[in-house]
């Protein structure tokens, strides 16, 4: 019998869950930066910091997390709400497409940033 932890659906679940947690952790930092917009000197200081390569890499990671969370979430919605004659084939094929689309969006973002 195959362990559920080696199934591709399990890894799609883990990817969706971890990306959601990472995005939830990011939100307070995002709101803090938005609050900086009220003070021009603080915002200018942050914008200089945002030009650093490490921050650019972090932006790419954020876009990748957002797209991964979106595509794996859409996969779950499709599996839950659409009628399927055989859900096994749909579950397996949507994982690969969702991951590939997330990577493509991340690469497009990197190409536009650099």
PDB file of N, CA and C in Angstrom:
ATOM      1  N   UNK A   1       0.841  -1.187   0.000  1.00  0.00           N
ATOM      2  CA  UNK A   1       0.000   0.000   0.000  1.00  0.00           C
ATOM      3  C   UNK A   1       0.886   1.251   0.000  1.00  0.00           C
ATOM      4  N   UNK A   2       0.535   2.200  -0.826  1.00  0.00           N
ATOM      5  CA  UNK A   2       1.314   3.421  -0.983  1.00  0.00           C
ATOM      6  C   UNK A   2       0.967   4.417   0.124  1.00  0.00           C
ATOM      7  N   UNK A   3       1.988   5.020   0.728  1.00  0.00           N
ATOM      8  CA  UNK A   3       1.784   6.007   1.780  1.00  0.00           C
ATOM      9  C   UNK A   3       1.167   7.271   1.193  1.00  0.00           C
ATOM     10  N   UNK A   4       0.286   7.907   1.954  1.00  0.00           N
ATOM     11  CA  UNK A   4      -0.351   9.134   1.476  1.00  0.00           C
ATOM     12  C   UNK A   4       0.657  10.276   1.375  1.00  0.00           C
ATOM     13  N   UNK A   5       1.760  10.188   2.096  1.00  0.00           N
ATOM     14  CA  UNK A   5       2.767  11.249   2.068  1.00  0.00           C
ATOM     15  C   UNK A   5       3.596  11.241   0.787  1.00  0.00           C
ATOM     16  N   UNK A   6       3.546  10.171   0.027  1.00  0.00           N
ATOM     17  CA  UNK A   6       4.277  10.116  -1.235  1.00  0.00           C
ATOM     18  C   UNK A   6       3.364  10.429  -2.421  1.00  0.00           C
ATOM     19  N   UNK A   7       2.099  10.623  -2.182  1.00  0.00           N
ATOM     20  CA  UNK A   7       1.145  10.921  -3.253  1.00  0.00           C
ATOM     21  C   UNK A   7       1.287  12.376  -3.694  1.00  0.00           C
ATOM     22  N   UNK A   8       1.153  12.631  -4.994  1.00  0.00           N
ATOM     23  CA  UNK A   8       1.300  13.989  -5.510  1.00  0.00           C
ATOM     24  C   UNK A   8       0.249  14.938  -4.940  1.00  0.00           C
ATOM     25  N   UNK A   9      -0.939  14.441  -4.679  1.00  0.00           N
ATOM     26  CA  UNK A   9      -1.983  15.276  -4.093  1.00  0.00           C
ATOM     27  C   UNK A   9      -1.607  15.787  -2.711  1.00  0.00           C
ATOM     28  N   UNK A  10      -0.876  14.985  -1.967  1.00  0.00           N
ATOM     29  CA  UNK A  10      -0.415  15.406  -0.649  1.00  0.00           C
ATOM     30  C   UNK A  10       0.544  16.579  -0.779  1.00  0.00           C
ATOM     31  N   UNK A  11       1.441  16.531  -1.759  1.00  0.00           N
ATOM     32  CA  UNK A  11       2.411  17.607  -1.949  1.00  0.00           C
ATOM     33  C   UNK A  11       1.735  18.872  -2.470  1.00  0.00           C
ATOM     34  N   UNK A  12       0.672  18.717  -3.253  1.00  0.00           N
ATOM     35  CA  UNK A  12      -0.096  19.898  -3.677  1.00  0.00           C
ATOM     36  C   UNK A  12      -0.774  20.538  -2.459  1.00  0.00           C
ATOM     37  N   UNK A  13      -1.293  19.715  -1.567  1.00  0.00           N
ATOM     38  CA  UNK A  13      -1.886  20.209  -0.327  1.00  0.00           C
ATOM     39  C   UNK A  13      -0.850  20.946   0.517  1.00  0.00           C
ATOM     40  N   UNK A  14       0.344  20.347   0.651  1.00  0.00           N
ATOM     41  CA  UNK A  14       1.413  20.976   1.436  1.00  0.00           C
ATOM     42  C   UNK A  14       1.830  22.303   0.796  1.00  0.00           C
ATOM     43  N   UNK A  15       1.967  22.336  -0.533  1.00  0.00           N
ATOM     44  CA  UNK A  15       2.327  23.567  -1.224  1.00  0.00           C
ATOM     45  C   UNK A  15       1.296  24.660  -1.016  1.00  0.00           C
ATOM     46  N   UNK A  16       0.025  24.288  -1.079  1.00  0.00           N
ATOM     47  CA  UNK A  16      -1.056  25.258  -0.868  1.00  0.00           C
ATOM     48  C   UNK A  16      -1.055  25.758   0.568  1.00  0.00           C
ATOM     49  N   UNK A  17      -0.913  24.855   1.508  1.00  0.00           N
ATOM     50  CA  UNK A  17      -0.953  25.229   2.921  1.00  0.00           C
ATOM     51  C   UNK A  17       0.242  26.098   3.308  1.00  0.00           C
ATOM     52  N   UNK A  18       1.447  25.692   2.917  1.00  0.00           N
ATOM     53  CA  UNK A  18       2.647  26.454   3.281  1.00  0.00           C
ATOM     54  C   UNK A  18       2.692  27.825   2.601  1.00  0.00           C
ATOM     55  N   UNK A  19       2.256  27.885   1.345  1.00  0.00           N
ATOM     56  CA  UNK A  19       2.233  29.192   0.678  1.00  0.00           C
ATOM     57  C   UNK A  19       1.215  30.108   1.349  1.00  0.00           C
ATOM     58  N   UNK A  20       0.105  29.565   1.792  1.00  0.00           N
ATOM     59  CA  UNK A  20      -0.890  30.369   2.512  1.00  0.00           C
ATOM     60  C   UNK A  20      -0.356  30.880   3.840  1.00  0.00           C
ATOM     61  N   UNK A  21       0.349  30.032   4.565  1.00  0.00           N
ATOM     62  CA  UNK A  21       0.935  30.461   5.844  1.00  0.00           C
ATOM     63  C   UNK A  21       1.996  31.532   5.613  1.00  0.00           C
ATOM     64  N   UNK A  22       2.849  31.340   4.608  1.00  0.00           N
ATOM     65  CA  UNK A  22       3.891  32.326   4.310  1.00  0.00           C
ATOM     66  C   UNK A  22       3.270  33.665   3.909  1.00  0.00           C
ATOM     67  N   UNK A  23       2.198  33.634   3.150  1.00  0.00           N
ATOM     68  CA  UNK A  23       1.529  34.879   2.763  1.00  0.00           C
ATOM     69  C   UNK A  23       0.884  35.547   3.980  1.00  0.00           C
ATOM     70  N   UNK A  24       0.346  34.764   4.884  1.00  0.00           N
ATOM     71  CA  UNK A  24      -0.241  35.336   6.097  1.00  0.00           C
ATOM     72  C   UNK A  24       0.834  35.976   6.977  1.00  0.00           C
ATOM     73  N   UNK A  25       2.018  35.394   7.006  1.00  0.00           N
ATOM     74  CA  UNK A  25       3.121  35.977   7.767  1.00  0.00           C
ATOM     75  C   UNK A  25       3.598  37.274   7.102  1.00  0.00           C
ATOM     76  N   UNK A  26       3.529  37.326   5.780  1.00  0.00           N
ATOM     77  CA  UNK A  26       3.970  38.503   5.036  1.00  0.00           C
ATOM     78  C   UNK A  26       3.029  39.697   5.227  1.00  0.00           C
ATOM     79  N   UNK A  27       1.757  39.470   5.434  1.00  0.00           N
ATOM     80  CA  UNK A  27       0.772  40.563   5.485  1.00  0.00           C
ATOM     81  C   UNK A  27       1.096  41.667   6.493  1.00  0.00           C
ATOM     82  N   UNK A  28       1.491  41.373   7.724  1.00  0.00           N
ATOM     83  CA  UNK A  28       1.834  42.484   8.629  1.00  0.00           C
ATOM     84  C   UNK A  28       2.976  43.359   8.107  1.00  0.00           C
ATOM     85  N   UNK A  29       3.986  42.754   7.480  1.00  0.00           N
ATOM     86  CA  UNK A  29       5.080  43.537   6.904  1.00  0.00           C
ATOM     87  C   UNK A  29       4.556  44.419   5.767  1.00  0.00           C
ATOM     88  N   UNK A  30       3.641  43.877   4.986  1.00  0.00           N
ATOM     89  CA  UNK A  30       3.051  44.640   3.886  1.00  0.00           C
ATOM     90  C   UNK A  30       2.270  45.848   4.414  1.00  0.00           C
ATOM     91  N   UNK A  31       1.500  45.643   5.450  1.00  0.00           N
ATOM     92  CA  UNK A  31       0.732  46.751   6.028  1.00  0.00           C
ATOM     93  C   UNK A  31       1.658  47.789   6.662  1.00  0.00           C
ATOM     94  N   UNK A  32       2.769  47.344   7.230  1.00  0.00           N
ATOM     95  CA  UNK A  32       3.732  48.278   7.805  1.00  0.00           C
ATOM     96  C   UNK A  32       4.329  49.174   6.712  1.00  0.00           C
ATOM     97  N   UNK A  33       4.672  48.578   5.585  1.00  0.00           N
ATOM     98  CA  UNK A  33       5.228  49.360   4.477  1.00  0.00           C
ATOM     99  C   UNK A  33       4.172  50.309   3.916  1.00  0.00           C
ATOM    100  N   UNK A  34       2.938  49.875   3.851  1.00  0.00           N
ATOM    101  CA  UNK A  34       1.869  50.777   3.405  1.00  0.00           C
ATOM    102  C   UNK A  34       1.722  51.958   4.351  1.00  0.00           C
ATOM    103  N   UNK A  35       1.882  51.716   5.634  1.00  0.00           N
ATOM    104  CA  UNK A  35       1.800  52.810   6.607  1.00  0.00           C
ATOM    105  C   UNK A  35       2.968  53.781   6.442  1.00  0.00           C
ATOM    106  N   UNK A  36       4.099  53.294   5.933  1.00  0.00           N
ATOM    107  CA  UNK A  36       5.242  54.172   5.684  1.00  0.00           C
ATOM    108  C   UNK A  36       4.924  55.230   4.626  1.00  0.00           C
ATOM    109  N   UNK A  37       3.970  54.958   3.782  1.00  0.00           N
ATOM    110  CA  UNK A  37       3.623  55.918   2.724  1.00  0.00           C
ATOM    111  C   UNK A  37       3.122  57.235   3.311  1.00  0.00           C
ATOM    112  N   UNK A  38       2.715  57.221   4.562  1.00  0.00           N
ATOM    113  CA  UNK A  38       2.265  58.444   5.214  1.00  0.00           C
ATOM    114  C   UNK A  38       3.428  59.358   5.587  1.00  0.00           C
ATOM    115  N   UNK A  39       4.615  58.778   5.735  1.00  0.00           N
ATOM    116  CA  UNK A  39       5.816  59.554   6.069  1.00  0.00           C
ATOM    117  C   UNK A  39       6.799  59.430   4.909  1.00  0.00           C
ATOM    118  N   UNK A  40       6.991  60.505   4.176  1.00  0.00           N
ATOM    119  CA  UNK A  40       7.787  60.472   2.949  1.00  0.00           C
ATOM    120  C   UNK A  40       9.234  60.039   3.196  1.00  0.00           C
ATOM    121  N   UNK A  41       9.847  60.472   4.277  1.00  0.00           N
ATOM    122  CA  UNK A  41      11.236  60.118   4.561  1.00  0.00           C
ATOM    123  C   UNK A  41      11.386  58.617   4.814  1.00  0.00           C
ATOM    124  N   UNK A  42      10.462  58.038   5.579  1.00  0.00           N
ATOM    125  CA  UNK A  42      10.510  56.596   5.841  1.00  0.00           C
ATOM    126  C   UNK A  42      10.302  55.802   4.555  1.00  0.00           C
ATOM    127  N   UNK A  43       9.354  56.252   3.742  1.00  0.00           N
ATOM    128  CA  UNK A  43       9.076  55.540   2.493  1.00  0.00           C
ATOM    129  C   UNK A  43      10.276  55.605   1.552  1.00  0.00           C
ATOM    130  N   UNK A  44      10.921  56.754   1.457  1.00  0.00           N
ATOM    131  CA  UNK A  44      12.111  56.877   0.605  1.00  0.00           C
ATOM    132  C   UNK A  44      13.222  55.948   1.079  1.00  0.00           C
ATOM    133  N   UNK A  45      13.404  55.840   2.380  1.00  0.00           N
ATOM    134  CA  UNK A  45      14.402  54.925   2.931  1.00  0.00           C
ATOM    135  C   UNK A  45      14.088  53.487   2.584  1.00  0.00           C
ATOM    136  N   UNK A  46      12.817  53.115   2.679  1.00  0.00           N
ATOM    137  CA  UNK A  46      12.440  51.743   2.344  1.00  0.00           C
ATOM    138  C   UNK A  46      12.600  51.481   0.849  1.00  0.00           C
ATOM    139  N   UNK A  47      12.269  52.447   0.018  1.00  0.00           N
ATOM    140  CA  UNK A  47      12.391  52.243  -1.429  1.00  0.00           C
ATOM    141  C   UNK A  47      13.847  52.054  -1.842  1.00  0.00           C
ATOM    142  N   UNK A  48      14.776  52.704  -1.152  1.00  0.00           N
ATOM    143  CA  UNK A  48      16.203  52.466  -1.414  1.00  0.00           C
ATOM    144  C   UNK A  48      16.575  51.040  -1.012  1.00  0.00           C
ATOM    145  N   UNK A  49      16.047  50.584   0.113  1.00  0.00           N
ATOM    146  CA  UNK A  49      16.283  49.220   0.565  1.00  0.00           C
ATOM    147  C   UNK A  49      15.686  48.206  -0.413  1.00  0.00           C
ATOM    148  N   UNK A  50      14.552  48.542  -0.997  1.00  0.00           N
ATOM    149  CA  UNK A  50      13.866  47.627  -1.907  1.00  0.00           C
ATOM    150  C   UNK A  50      14.617  47.401  -3.213  1.00  0.00           C
ATOM    151  N   UNK A  51      15.596  48.229  -3.513  1.00  0.00           N
ATOM    152  CA  UNK A  51      16.394  48.071  -4.736  1.00  0.00           C
ATOM    153  C   UNK A  51      17.506  47.045  -4.582  1.00  0.00           C
ATOM    154  N   UNK A  52      17.734  46.556  -3.382  1.00  0.00           N
ATOM    155  CA  UNK A  52      18.792  45.574  -3.146  1.00  0.00           C
ATOM    156  C   UNK A  52      18.429  44.231  -3.792  1.00  0.00           C
ATOM    157  N   UNK A  53      19.445  43.486  -4.289  1.00  0.00           N
ATOM    158  CA  UNK A  53      19.162  42.190  -4.928  1.00  0.00           C
ATOM    159  C   UNK A  53      18.427  41.204  -4.018  1.00  0.00           C
ATOM    160  N   UNK A  54      18.731  41.211  -2.730  1.00  0.00           N
ATOM    161  CA  UNK A  54      18.045  40.287  -1.821  1.00  0.00           C
ATOM    162  C   UNK A  54      16.551  40.596  -1.749  1.00  0.00           C
ATOM    163  N   UNK A  55      16.213  41.873  -1.785  1.00  0.00           N
ATOM    164  CA  UNK A  55      14.792  42.252  -1.770  1.00  0.00           C
ATOM    165  C   UNK A  55      14.110  41.869  -3.076  1.00  0.00           C
ATOM    166  N   UNK A  56      14.828  42.016  -4.191  1.00  0.00           N
ATOM    167  CA  UNK A  56      14.281  41.602  -5.488  1.00  0.00           C
ATOM    168  C   UNK A  56      14.010  40.102  -5.489  1.00  0.00           C
ATOM    169  N   UNK A  57      14.923  39.338  -4.900  1.00  0.00           N
ATOM    170  CA  UNK A  57      14.728  37.897  -4.787  1.00  0.00           C
ATOM    171  C   UNK A  57      13.505  37.601  -3.913  1.00  0.00           C
ATOM    172  N   UNK A  58      13.348  38.363  -2.839  1.00  0.00           N
ATOM    173  CA  UNK A  58      12.178  38.198  -1.977  1.00  0.00           C
ATOM    174  C   UNK A  58      10.879  38.522  -2.699  1.00  0.00           C
ATOM    175  N   UNK A  59      10.898  39.534  -3.557  1.00  0.00           N
ATOM    176  CA  UNK A  59       9.714  39.866  -4.353  1.00  0.00           C
ATOM    177  C   UNK A  59       9.362  38.723  -5.295  1.00  0.00           C
ATOM    178  N   UNK A  60      10.404  38.133  -5.903  1.00  0.00           N
ATOM    179  CA  UNK A  60      10.163  36.990  -6.780  1.00  0.00           C
ATOM    180  C   UNK A  60       9.539  35.837  -5.984  1.00  0.00           C
ATOM    181  N   UNK A  61      10.069  35.591  -4.796  1.00  0.00           N
ATOM    182  CA  UNK A  61       9.506  34.530  -3.957  1.00  0.00           C
ATOM    183  C   UNK A  61       8.061  34.804  -3.590  1.00  0.00           C
ATOM    184  N   UNK A  62       7.746  36.054  -3.336  1.00  0.00           N
ATOM    185  CA  UNK A  62       6.368  36.421  -3.011  1.00  0.00           C
ATOM    186  C   UNK A  62       5.438  36.173  -4.189  1.00  0.00           C
ATOM    187  N   UNK A  63       5.866  36.562  -5.380  1.00  0.00           N
ATOM    188  CA  UNK A  63       5.048  36.324  -6.573  1.00  0.00           C
ATOM    189  C   UNK A  63       4.873  34.827  -6.799  1.00  0.00           C
ATOM    190  N   UNK A  64       5.931  34.063  -6.594  1.00  0.00           N
ATOM    191  CA  UNK A  64       5.840  32.613  -6.744  1.00  0.00           C
ATOM    192  C   UNK A  64       4.871  32.018  -5.724  1.00  0.00           C
ATOM    193  N   UNK A  65       4.943  32.465  -4.486  1.00  0.00           N
ATOM    194  CA  UNK A  65       4.015  31.975  -3.459  1.00  0.00           C
ATOM    195  C   UNK A  65       2.573  32.340  -3.789  1.00  0.00           C
ATOM    196  N   UNK A  66       2.362  33.570  -4.245  1.00  0.00           N
ATOM    197  CA  UNK A  66       1.007  33.991  -4.603  1.00  0.00           C
ATOM    198  C   UNK A  66       0.438  33.152  -5.742  1.00  0.00           C
ATOM    199  N   UNK A  67       1.241  32.938  -6.779  1.00  0.00           N
ATOM    200  CA  UNK A  67       0.735  32.165  -7.917  1.00  0.00           C
ATOM    201  C   UNK A  67       0.540  30.696  -7.548  1.00  0.00           C
ATOM    202  N   UNK A  68       1.433  30.141  -6.744  1.00  0.00           N
ATOM    203  CA  UNK A  68       1.275  28.753  -6.315  1.00  0.00           C
ATOM    204  C   UNK A  68       0.010  28.597  -5.480  1.00  0.00           C
ATOM    205  N   UNK A  69      -0.206  29.513  -4.566  1.00  0.00           N
ATOM    206  CA  UNK A  69      -1.395  29.445  -3.727  1.00  0.00           C
ATOM    207  C   UNK A  69      -2.665  29.572  -4.581  1.00  0.00           C
ATOM    208  N   UNK A  70      -2.617  30.464  -5.574  1.00  0.00           N
ATOM    209  CA  UNK A  70      -3.776  30.650  -6.438  1.00  0.00           C
ATOM    210  C   UNK A  70      -4.063  29.394  -7.263  1.00  0.00           C
ATOM    211  N   UNK A  71      -3.060  28.840  -7.927  1.00  0.00           N
ATOM    212  CA  UNK A  71      -3.303  27.692  -8.800  1.00  0.00           C
ATOM    213  C   UNK A  71      -3.679  26.441  -8.020  1.00  0.00           C
ATOM    214  N   UNK A  72      -3.045  26.197  -6.882  1.00  0.00           N
ATOM    215  CA  UNK A  72      -3.428  25.036  -6.089  1.00  0.00           C
ATOM    216  C   UNK A  72      -4.810  25.241  -5.466  1.00  0.00           C
ATOM    217  N   UNK A  73      -5.154  26.479  -5.151  1.00  0.00           N
ATOM    218  CA  UNK A  73      -6.504  26.763  -4.658  1.00  0.00           C
ATOM    219  C   UNK A  73      -7.556  26.562  -5.743  1.00  0.00           C
ATOM    220  N   UNK A  74      -7.249  27.004  -6.959  1.00  0.00           N
ATOM    221  CA  UNK A  74      -8.175  26.767  -8.078  1.00  0.00           C
ATOM    222  C   UNK A  74      -8.348  25.279  -8.340  1.00  0.00           C
ATOM    223  N   UNK A  75      -7.278  24.515  -8.196  1.00  0.00           N
ATOM    224  CA  UNK A  75      -7.358  23.062  -8.352  1.00  0.00           C
ATOM    225  C   UNK A  75      -8.322  22.473  -7.325  1.00  0.00           C
ATOM    226  N   UNK A  76      -8.197  22.920  -6.079  1.00  0.00           N
ATOM    227  CA  UNK A  76      -9.092  22.410  -5.041  1.00  0.00           C
ATOM    228  C   UNK A  76     -10.541  22.794  -5.312  1.00  0.00           C
ATOM    229  N   UNK A  77     -10.759  24.037  -5.742  1.00  0.00           N
ATOM    230  CA  UNK A  77     -12.120  24.459  -6.064  1.00  0.00           C
ATOM    231  C   UNK A  77     -12.704  23.632  -7.204  1.00  0.00           C
ATOM    232  N   UNK A  78     -11.904  23.381  -8.228  1.00  0.00           N
ATOM    233  CA  UNK A  78     -12.382  22.582  -9.357  1.00  0.00           C
ATOM    234  C   UNK A  78     -12.720  21.164  -8.913  1.00  0.00           C
ATOM    235  N   UNK A  79     -11.871  20.584  -8.064  1.00  0.00           N
ATOM    236  CA  UNK A  79     -12.140  19.217  -7.601  1.00  0.00           C
ATOM    237  C   UNK A  79     -13.381  19.153  -6.722  1.00  0.00           C
ATOM    238  N   UNK A  80     -13.623  20.204  -5.952  1.00  0.00           N
ATOM    239  CA  UNK A  80     -14.770  20.209  -5.049  1.00  0.00           C
ATOM    240  C   UNK A  80     -16.081  20.555  -5.755  1.00  0.00           C
ATOM    241  N   UNK A  81     -16.039  21.475  -6.703  1.00  0.00           N
ATOM    242  CA  UNK A  81     -17.280  22.027  -7.248  1.00  0.00           C
ATOM    243  C   UNK A  81     -17.693  21.479  -8.606  1.00  0.00           C
ATOM    244  N   UNK A  82     -16.776  20.951  -9.390  1.00  0.00           N
ATOM    245  CA  UNK A  82     -17.111  20.450 -10.715  1.00  0.00           C
ATOM    246  C   UNK A  82     -17.410  18.955 -10.666  1.00  0.00           C
ATOM    247  N   UNK A  83     -18.308  18.505 -11.515  1.00  0.00           N
ATOM    248  CA  UNK A  83     -18.570  17.053 -11.560  1.00  0.00           C
ATOM    249  C   UNK A  83     -17.438  16.338 -12.319  1.00  0.00           C
ATOM    250  N   UNK A  84     -16.956  15.244 -11.743  1.00  0.00           N
ATOM    251  CA  UNK A  84     -15.878  14.477 -12.355  1.00  0.00           C
ATOM    252  C   UNK A  84     -16.304  13.020 -12.444  1.00  0.00           C
ATOM    253  N   UNK A  85     -16.050  12.410 -13.581  1.00  0.00           N
ATOM    254  CA  UNK A  85     -16.346  10.981 -13.686  1.00  0.00           C
ATOM    255  C   UNK A  85     -15.260  10.172 -12.980  1.00  0.00           C
ATOM    256  N   UNK A  86     -14.018  10.657 -13.068  1.00  0.00           N
ATOM    257  CA  UNK A  86     -12.911  10.016 -12.370  1.00  0.00           C
ATOM    258  C   UNK A  86     -12.014  11.112 -11.813  1.00  0.00           C
ATOM    259  N   UNK A  87     -12.037  11.308 -10.502  1.00  0.00           N
ATOM    260  CA  UNK A  87     -11.279  12.401  -9.909  1.00  0.00           C
ATOM    261  C   UNK A  87      -9.780  12.105  -9.846  1.00  0.00           C
ATOM    262  N   UNK A  88      -9.390  10.863  -9.873  1.00  0.00           N
ATOM    263  CA  UNK A  88      -7.963  10.536  -9.742  1.00  0.00           C
ATOM    264  C   UNK A  88      -7.150  11.163 -10.875  1.00  0.00           C
ATOM    265  N   UNK A  89      -7.588  11.012 -12.119  1.00  0.00           N
ATOM    266  CA  UNK A  89      -6.838  11.572 -13.241  1.00  0.00           C
ATOM    267  C   UNK A  89      -6.780  13.092 -13.158  1.00  0.00           C
ATOM    268  N   UNK A  90      -7.862  13.712 -12.748  1.00  0.00           N
ATOM    269  CA  UNK A  90      -7.901  15.177 -12.651  1.00  0.00           C
ATOM    270  C   UNK A  90      -6.952  15.669 -11.567  1.00  0.00           C
ATOM    271  N   UNK A  91      -6.919  15.005 -10.459  1.00  0.00           N
ATOM    272  CA  UNK A  91      -6.048  15.432  -9.354  1.00  0.00           C
ATOM    273  C   UNK A  91      -4.583  15.408  -9.758  1.00  0.00           C
ATOM    274  N   UNK A  92      -4.178  14.359 -10.431  1.00  0.00           N
ATOM    275  CA  UNK A  92      -2.776  14.215 -10.811  1.00  0.00           C
ATOM    276  C   UNK A  92      -2.392  15.237 -11.867  1.00  0.00           C
ATOM    277  N   UNK A  93      -3.203  15.416 -12.903  1.00  0.00           N
ATOM    278  CA  UNK A  93      -2.816  16.308 -13.999  1.00  0.00           C
ATOM    279  C   UNK A  93      -2.852  17.778 -13.584  1.00  0.00           C
ATOM    280  N   UNK A  94      -3.763  18.181 -12.703  1.00  0.00           N
ATOM    281  CA  UNK A  94      -3.859  19.586 -12.304  1.00  0.00           C
ATOM    282  C   UNK A  94      -2.689  20.011 -11.430  1.00  0.00           C
ATOM    283  N   UNK A  95      -2.069  19.083 -10.730  1.00  0.00           N
ATOM    284  CA  UNK A  95      -0.922  19.426  -9.878  1.00  0.00           C
ATOM    285  C   UNK A  95       0.229  19.916 -10.739  1.00  0.00           C
ATOM    286  N   UNK A  96       0.552  19.170 -11.750  1.00  0.00           N
ATOM    287  CA  UNK A  96       1.665  19.544 -12.624  1.00  0.00           C
ATOM    288  C   UNK A  96       1.413  20.855 -13.352  1.00  0.00           C
ATOM    289  N   UNK A  97       0.201  21.029 -13.860  1.00  0.00           N
ATOM    290  CA  UNK A  97      -0.121  22.266 -14.575  1.00  0.00           C
ATOM    291  C   UNK A  97      -0.095  23.478 -13.645  1.00  0.00           C
ATOM    292  N   UNK A  98      -0.590  23.309 -12.450  1.00  0.00           N
ATOM    293  CA  UNK A  98      -0.572  24.416 -11.495  1.00  0.00           C
ATOM    294  C   UNK A  98       0.839  24.818 -11.104  1.00  0.00           C
ATOM    295  N   UNK A  99       1.683  23.825 -10.868  1.00  0.00           N
ATOM    296  CA  UNK A  99       3.072  24.113 -10.512  1.00  0.00           C
ATOM    297  C   UNK A  99       3.809  24.754 -11.684  1.00  0.00           C
ATOM    298  N   UNK A 100       3.590  24.244 -12.888  1.00  0.00           N
ATOM    299  CA  UNK A 100       4.251  24.806 -14.073  1.00  0.00           C
ATOM    300  C   UNK A 100       3.795  26.245 -14.317  1.00  0.00           C
ATOM    301  N   UNK A 101       2.515  26.521 -14.160  1.00  0.00           N
ATOM    302  CA  UNK A 101       2.014  27.882 -14.346  1.00  0.00           C
ATOM    303  C   UNK A 101       2.596  28.826 -13.292  1.00  0.00           C
ATOM    304  N   UNK A 102       2.722  28.361 -12.063  1.00  0.00           N
ATOM    305  CA  UNK A 102       3.331  29.178 -11.008  1.00  0.00           C
ATOM    306  C   UNK A 102       4.772  29.515 -11.343  1.00  0.00           C
ATOM    307  N   UNK A 103       5.525  28.544 -11.806  1.00  0.00           N
ATOM    308  CA  UNK A 103       6.916  28.784 -12.177  1.00  0.00           C
ATOM    309  C   UNK A 103       7.008  29.746 -13.360  1.00  0.00           C
ATOM    310  N   UNK A 104       6.110  29.604 -14.339  1.00  0.00           N
ATOM    311  CA  UNK A 104       6.121  30.499 -15.494  1.00  0.00           C
ATOM    312  C   UNK A 104       5.852  31.937 -15.068  1.00  0.00           C
ATOM    313  N   UNK A 105       4.900  32.125 -14.170  1.00  0.00           N
ATOM    314  CA  UNK A 105       4.606  33.473 -13.678  1.00  0.00           C
ATOM    315  C   UNK A 105       5.812  34.029 -12.926  1.00  0.00           C
ATOM    316  N   UNK A 106       6.458  33.206 -12.126  1.00  0.00           N
ATOM    317  CA  UNK A 106       7.658  33.642 -11.417  1.00  0.00           C
ATOM    318  C   UNK A 106       8.774  34.047 -12.367  1.00  0.00           C
ATOM    319  N   UNK A 107       8.962  33.281 -13.444  1.00  0.00           N
ATOM    320  CA  UNK A 107       9.996  33.596 -14.423  1.00  0.00           C
ATOM    321  C   UNK A 107       9.677  34.877 -15.178  1.00  0.00           C
ATOM    322  N   UNK A 108       8.409  35.079 -15.514  1.00  0.00           N
ATOM    323  CA  UNK A 108       8.010  36.316 -16.188  1.00  0.00           C
ATOM    324  C   UNK A 108       8.272  37.499 -15.271  1.00  0.00           C
ATOM    325  N   UNK A 109       7.982  37.350 -13.988  1.00  0.00           N
ATOM    326  CA  UNK A 109       8.238  38.418 -13.033  1.00  0.00           C
ATOM    327  C   UNK A 109       9.727  38.734 -12.942  1.00  0.00           C
ATOM    328  N   UNK A 110      10.557  37.702 -12.853  1.00  0.00           N
ATOM    329  CA  UNK A 110      12.002  37.902 -12.771  1.00  0.00           C
ATOM    330  C   UNK A 110      12.512  38.597 -14.034  1.00  0.00           C
ATOM    331  N   UNK A 111      12.021  38.186 -15.186  1.00  0.00           N
ATOM    332  CA  UNK A 111      12.453  38.807 -16.448  1.00  0.00           C
ATOM    333  C   UNK A 111      12.078  40.279 -16.489  1.00  0.00           C
ATOM    334  N   UNK A 112      10.947  40.632 -15.916  1.00  0.00           N
ATOM    335  CA  UNK A 112      10.519  42.032 -15.901  1.00  0.00           C
ATOM    336  C   UNK A 112      11.250  42.862 -14.876  1.00  0.00           C
ATOM    337  N   UNK A 113      11.715  42.245 -13.799  1.00  0.00           N
ATOM    338  CA  UNK A 113      12.381  42.971 -12.716  1.00  0.00           C
ATOM    339  C   UNK A 113      13.837  43.246 -13.054  1.00  0.00           C
ATOM    340  N   UNK A 114      14.488  42.283 -13.644  1.00  0.00           N
ATOM    341  CA  UNK A 114      15.935  42.396 -13.897  1.00  0.00           C
ATOM    342  C   UNK A 114      16.227  43.290 -15.076  1.00  0.00           C
TER     343      UNK A 114
END
